[in-house]
Amino acid sequence: MAVAFPIVMRFKLASPQLLREQVMLSTSRGVVIWTVLVALGAGLFGLTSVFVALEFPVGWGIAAMAISVLVCTLWYAILYRRTIREMERELMSRDAAPPDPD
């Protein structure tokens, strides 16, 4: 499940169309805040579960899920920022294009 989570996130939550909608509908500050909060939460939960895993083997599965959530969060943030840059480039190229002679 921990391996499948990033793949499902990429195809269901981070498709190019959905990322463009998110860029248009959300504030960048909100995305940064949520990214930091989720990454910190997953990191702390992962560290805690590693300490639990030293005593109970089921903790390794929980640690794997926490790492998976951390990877998904950071991957989504990278894709989100890449989408913003692409949209900015499109806007700049549209503004820099010479006007039609018609």
N, C-alpha and C. Protein backbone atom coordinates (compact mmCIF):
# COMPACT_ATOMS: atom_id res chain seq x y z
N MET A 1 0.83 -1.19 0.00
CA MET A 1 0.00 0.00 0.00
C MET A 1 0.88 1.26 0.00
N ALA A 2 1.97 1.20 0.71
CA ALA A 2 2.86 2.36 0.77
C ALA A 2 3.49 2.64 -0.58
N VAL A 3 3.72 1.61 -1.37
CA VAL A 3 4.31 1.79 -2.70
C VAL A 3 3.26 2.33 -3.67
N ALA A 4 2.03 1.88 -3.54
CA ALA A 4 0.97 2.28 -4.47
C ALA A 4 0.49 3.71 -4.22
N PHE A 5 0.62 4.20 -3.01
CA PHE A 5 0.08 5.53 -2.68
C PHE A 5 0.66 6.64 -3.55
N PRO A 6 1.98 6.73 -3.74
CA PRO A 6 2.50 7.80 -4.61
C PRO A 6 2.04 7.66 -6.06
N ILE A 7 1.90 6.43 -6.53
CA ILE A 7 1.45 6.23 -7.91
C ILE A 7 0.01 6.69 -8.08
N VAL A 8 -0.84 6.32 -7.15
CA VAL A 8 -2.24 6.74 -7.20
C VAL A 8 -2.34 8.25 -7.06
N MET A 9 -1.54 8.84 -6.18
CA MET A 9 -1.55 10.30 -6.01
C MET A 9 -1.19 10.98 -7.32
N ARG A 10 -0.21 10.47 -8.01
CA ARG A 10 0.25 11.11 -9.25
C ARG A 10 -0.84 11.09 -10.32
N PHE A 11 -1.53 9.97 -10.46
CA PHE A 11 -2.51 9.86 -11.53
C PHE A 11 -3.89 10.40 -11.15
N LYS A 12 -4.23 10.43 -9.88
CA LYS A 12 -5.56 10.88 -9.47
C LYS A 12 -5.58 12.31 -8.94
N LEU A 13 -4.56 12.72 -8.20
CA LEU A 13 -4.56 14.04 -7.58
C LEU A 13 -3.65 15.04 -8.27
N ALA A 14 -2.66 14.56 -8.98
CA ALA A 14 -1.68 15.47 -9.57
C ALA A 14 -1.65 15.38 -11.08
N SER A 15 -2.80 15.16 -11.68
CA SER A 15 -2.84 15.18 -13.14
C SER A 15 -2.67 16.64 -13.60
N PRO A 16 -2.18 16.86 -14.79
CA PRO A 16 -1.95 18.24 -15.24
C PRO A 16 -3.20 19.12 -15.19
N GLN A 17 -4.36 18.56 -15.52
CA GLN A 17 -5.58 19.36 -15.49
C GLN A 17 -5.95 19.77 -14.06
N LEU A 18 -5.86 18.82 -13.13
CA LEU A 18 -6.17 19.15 -11.74
C LEU A 18 -5.17 20.12 -11.14
N LEU A 19 -3.91 19.98 -11.49
CA LEU A 19 -2.90 20.91 -10.98
C LEU A 19 -3.16 22.32 -11.49
N ARG A 20 -3.55 22.46 -12.75
CA ARG A 20 -3.87 23.78 -13.29
C ARG A 20 -5.06 24.39 -12.55
N GLU A 21 -6.06 23.58 -12.26
CA GLU A 21 -7.21 24.08 -11.50
C GLU A 21 -6.79 24.51 -10.10
N GLN A 22 -5.93 23.72 -9.46
CA GLN A 22 -5.47 24.07 -8.12
C GLN A 22 -4.67 25.37 -8.12
N VAL A 23 -3.86 25.56 -9.14
CA VAL A 23 -3.08 26.80 -9.24
C VAL A 23 -4.02 27.99 -9.37
N MET A 24 -5.07 27.83 -10.16
CA MET A 24 -6.01 28.93 -10.39
C MET A 24 -6.88 29.21 -9.16
N LEU A 25 -7.21 28.19 -8.39
CA LEU A 25 -8.18 28.33 -7.31
C LEU A 25 -7.56 28.54 -5.93
N SER A 26 -6.30 28.25 -5.74
CA SER A 26 -5.71 28.34 -4.40
C SER A 26 -4.65 29.42 -4.35
N THR A 27 -4.34 29.81 -3.13
CA THR A 27 -3.26 30.77 -2.92
C THR A 27 -1.96 30.00 -2.72
N SER A 28 -0.87 30.54 -3.19
CA SER A 28 0.41 29.84 -3.05
C SER A 28 0.82 29.74 -1.58
N ARG A 29 0.45 30.73 -0.79
CA ARG A 29 0.78 30.69 0.64
C ARG A 29 0.07 29.51 1.32
N GLY A 30 -1.17 29.28 0.96
CA GLY A 30 -1.91 28.17 1.55
C GLY A 30 -1.30 26.83 1.19
N VAL A 31 -0.86 26.68 -0.04
CA VAL A 31 -0.25 25.44 -0.48
C VAL A 31 1.07 25.22 0.25
N VAL A 32 1.85 26.26 0.41
CA VAL A 32 3.13 26.13 1.12
C VAL A 32 2.89 25.76 2.58
N ILE A 33 1.92 26.39 3.21
CA ILE A 33 1.63 26.10 4.62
C ILE A 33 1.20 24.65 4.78
N TRP A 34 0.27 24.18 3.94
CA TRP A 34 -0.19 22.81 4.04
C TRP A 34 0.92 21.81 3.71
N THR A 35 1.76 22.14 2.76
CA THR A 35 2.87 21.25 2.43
C THR A 35 3.81 21.10 3.61
N VAL A 36 4.16 22.19 4.24
CA VAL A 36 5.05 22.14 5.40
C VAL A 36 4.41 21.38 6.55
N LEU A 37 3.13 21.65 6.83
CA LEU A 37 2.46 20.96 7.93
C LEU A 37 2.36 19.45 7.71
N VAL A 38 1.96 19.06 6.51
CA VAL A 38 1.84 17.63 6.23
C VAL A 38 3.21 16.96 6.24
N ALA A 39 4.22 17.62 5.68
CA ALA A 39 5.58 17.03 5.67
C ALA A 39 6.12 16.88 7.09
N LEU A 40 5.92 17.89 7.92
CA LEU A 40 6.37 17.78 9.32
C LEU A 40 5.61 16.69 10.06
N GLY A 41 4.30 16.64 9.86
CA GLY A 41 3.49 15.61 10.51
C GLY A 41 3.91 14.21 10.10
N ALA A 42 4.11 14.01 8.79
CA ALA A 42 4.53 12.69 8.30
C ALA A 42 5.93 12.35 8.81
N GLY A 43 6.82 13.32 8.85
CA GLY A 43 8.17 13.08 9.35
C GLY A 43 8.18 12.69 10.82
N LEU A 44 7.42 13.43 11.62
CA LEU A 44 7.36 13.11 13.05
C LEU A 44 6.69 11.76 13.29
N PHE A 45 5.61 11.51 12.55
CA PHE A 45 4.93 10.23 12.69
C PHE A 45 5.83 9.09 12.25
N GLY A 46 6.62 9.31 11.20
CA GLY A 46 7.56 8.29 10.73
C GLY A 46 8.64 8.00 11.74
N LEU A 47 9.19 9.05 12.34
CA LEU A 47 10.22 8.84 13.38
C LEU A 47 9.66 8.10 14.58
N THR A 48 8.47 8.47 14.98
CA THR A 48 7.83 7.79 16.10
C THR A 48 7.59 6.32 15.80
N SER A 49 7.12 6.06 14.58
CA SER A 49 6.85 4.67 14.23
C SER A 49 8.13 3.84 14.09
N VAL A 50 9.24 4.47 13.73
CA VAL A 50 10.51 3.73 13.69
C VAL A 50 10.91 3.30 15.10
N PHE A 51 10.70 4.18 16.07
CA PHE A 51 11.01 3.80 17.44
C PHE A 51 10.08 2.70 17.93
N VAL A 52 8.82 2.74 17.51
CA VAL A 52 7.87 1.68 17.85
C VAL A 52 8.28 0.38 17.16
N ALA A 53 8.79 0.49 15.92
CA ALA A 53 9.17 -0.69 15.14
C ALA A 53 10.34 -1.44 15.77
N LEU A 54 11.14 -0.75 16.56
CA LEU A 54 12.23 -1.43 17.23
C LEU A 54 11.70 -2.45 18.24
N GLU A 55 10.50 -2.20 18.75
CA GLU A 55 9.88 -3.10 19.72
C GLU A 55 8.85 -4.02 19.06
N PHE A 56 8.04 -3.46 18.14
CA PHE A 56 6.97 -4.21 17.49
C PHE A 56 7.15 -4.16 15.98
N PRO A 57 7.16 -5.28 15.31
CA PRO A 57 7.41 -5.30 13.86
C PRO A 57 6.36 -4.56 13.03
N VAL A 58 5.15 -4.43 13.53
CA VAL A 58 4.10 -3.74 12.76
C VAL A 58 4.46 -2.27 12.55
N GLY A 59 5.33 -1.75 13.34
CA GLY A 59 5.76 -0.36 13.22
C GLY A 59 6.45 -0.07 11.90
N TRP A 60 7.07 -1.08 11.27
CA TRP A 60 7.75 -0.86 9.99
C TRP A 60 6.74 -0.55 8.89
N GLY A 61 5.59 -1.19 8.95
CA GLY A 61 4.53 -0.87 7.99
C GLY A 61 4.01 0.55 8.17
N ILE A 62 3.87 0.95 9.40
CA ILE A 62 3.43 2.32 9.69
C ILE A 62 4.49 3.31 9.26
N ALA A 63 5.75 2.99 9.49
CA ALA A 63 6.84 3.87 9.05
C ALA A 63 6.87 3.98 7.53
N ALA A 64 6.62 2.86 6.84
CA ALA A 64 6.59 2.90 5.37
C ALA A 64 5.45 3.80 4.87
N MET A 65 4.30 3.74 5.52
CA MET A 65 3.18 4.62 5.12
C MET A 65 3.53 6.09 5.39
N ALA A 66 4.19 6.36 6.49
CA ALA A 66 4.58 7.74 6.79
C ALA A 66 5.57 8.26 5.76
N ILE A 67 6.51 7.43 5.37
CA ILE A 67 7.47 7.82 4.33
C ILE A 67 6.76 8.02 3.01
N SER A 68 5.79 7.18 2.72
CA SER A 68 5.01 7.31 1.50
C SER A 68 4.24 8.63 1.47
N VAL A 69 3.65 8.99 2.58
CA VAL A 69 2.93 10.27 2.66
C VAL A 69 3.90 11.43 2.49
N LEU A 70 5.06 11.34 3.07
CA LEU A 70 6.07 12.38 2.93
C LEU A 70 6.51 12.51 1.47
N VAL A 71 6.76 11.39 0.82
CA VAL A 71 7.16 11.42 -0.60
C VAL A 71 6.05 12.01 -1.45
N CYS A 72 4.81 11.62 -1.20
CA CYS A 72 3.67 12.15 -1.97
C CYS A 72 3.54 13.66 -1.79
N THR A 73 3.69 14.12 -0.58
CA THR A 73 3.55 15.54 -0.30
C THR A 73 4.63 16.34 -1.02
N LEU A 74 5.85 15.90 -0.93
CA LEU A 74 6.94 16.62 -1.59
C LEU A 74 6.83 16.53 -3.11
N TRP A 75 6.41 15.40 -3.63
CA TRP A 75 6.24 15.22 -5.07
C TRP A 75 5.13 16.13 -5.58
N TYR A 76 4.02 16.21 -4.83
CA TYR A 76 2.92 17.09 -5.22
C TYR A 76 3.38 18.54 -5.22
N ALA A 77 4.15 18.94 -4.22
CA ALA A 77 4.65 20.31 -4.15
C ALA A 77 5.55 20.62 -5.35
N ILE A 78 6.38 19.68 -5.74
CA ILE A 78 7.25 19.88 -6.90
C ILE A 78 6.42 20.02 -8.17
N LEU A 79 5.43 19.14 -8.34
CA LEU A 79 4.58 19.21 -9.52
C LEU A 79 3.75 20.49 -9.54
N TYR A 80 3.30 20.93 -8.37
CA TYR A 80 2.53 22.17 -8.25
C TYR A 80 3.39 23.36 -8.68
N ARG A 81 4.60 23.42 -8.19
CA ARG A 81 5.50 24.53 -8.54
C ARG A 81 5.86 24.48 -10.03
N ARG A 82 6.07 23.30 -10.57
CA ARG A 82 6.36 23.16 -11.99
C ARG A 82 5.18 23.65 -12.84
N THR A 83 3.96 23.37 -12.40
CA THR A 83 2.77 23.85 -13.11
C THR A 83 2.69 25.37 -13.07
N ILE A 84 3.02 25.96 -11.93
CA ILE A 84 3.02 27.43 -11.83
C ILE A 84 4.02 28.01 -12.82
N ARG A 85 5.21 27.45 -12.88
CA ARG A 85 6.23 27.97 -13.82
C ARG A 85 5.79 27.83 -15.26
N GLU A 86 5.17 26.69 -15.61
CA GLU A 86 4.69 26.52 -16.98
C GLU A 86 3.61 27.55 -17.32
N MET A 87 2.71 27.79 -16.38
CA MET A 87 1.65 28.77 -16.63
C MET A 87 2.22 30.18 -16.74
N GLU A 88 3.23 30.49 -15.94
CA GLU A 88 3.87 31.80 -16.04
C GLU A 88 4.57 31.96 -17.39
N ARG A 89 5.26 30.90 -17.85
CA ARG A 89 5.91 30.95 -19.16
C ARG A 89 4.90 31.14 -20.29
N GLU A 90 3.77 30.45 -20.19
CA GLU A 90 2.72 30.62 -21.20
C GLU A 90 2.21 32.05 -21.22
N LEU A 91 2.01 32.62 -20.05
CA LEU A 91 1.52 33.99 -19.96
C LEU A 91 2.55 34.97 -20.51
N MET A 92 3.82 34.76 -20.18
CA MET A 92 4.86 35.66 -20.68
C MET A 92 5.01 35.55 -22.19
N SER A 93 4.92 34.35 -22.73
CA SER A 93 5.05 34.21 -24.18
C SER A 93 3.84 34.79 -24.89
N ARG A 94 2.69 34.72 -24.28
CA ARG A 94 1.49 35.32 -24.86
C ARG A 94 1.59 36.84 -24.85
N ASP A 95 2.15 37.38 -23.77
CA ASP A 95 2.31 38.85 -23.67
C ASP A 95 3.41 39.35 -24.58
N ALA A 96 4.45 38.56 -24.80
CA ALA A 96 5.59 38.99 -25.63
C ALA A 96 5.36 38.79 -27.11
N ALA A 97 4.33 38.03 -27.46
CA ALA A 97 4.08 37.79 -28.89
C ALA A 97 3.65 39.09 -29.58
N PRO A 98 4.11 39.31 -30.79
CA PRO A 98 3.71 40.52 -31.50
C PRO A 98 2.22 40.45 -31.87
N PRO A 99 1.57 41.59 -31.92
CA PRO A 99 0.14 41.59 -32.23
C PRO A 99 -0.11 41.13 -33.69
N ASP A 100 -1.25 40.56 -33.90
CA ASP A 100 -1.62 40.13 -35.25
C ASP A 100 -1.81 41.33 -36.16
N PRO A 101 -1.33 41.26 -37.40
CA PRO A 101 -1.47 42.40 -38.31
C PRO A 101 -2.90 42.60 -38.80
N ASP A 102 -3.76 41.64 -38.59
CA ASP A 102 -5.15 41.77 -39.05
C ASP A 102 -5.95 42.71 -38.24
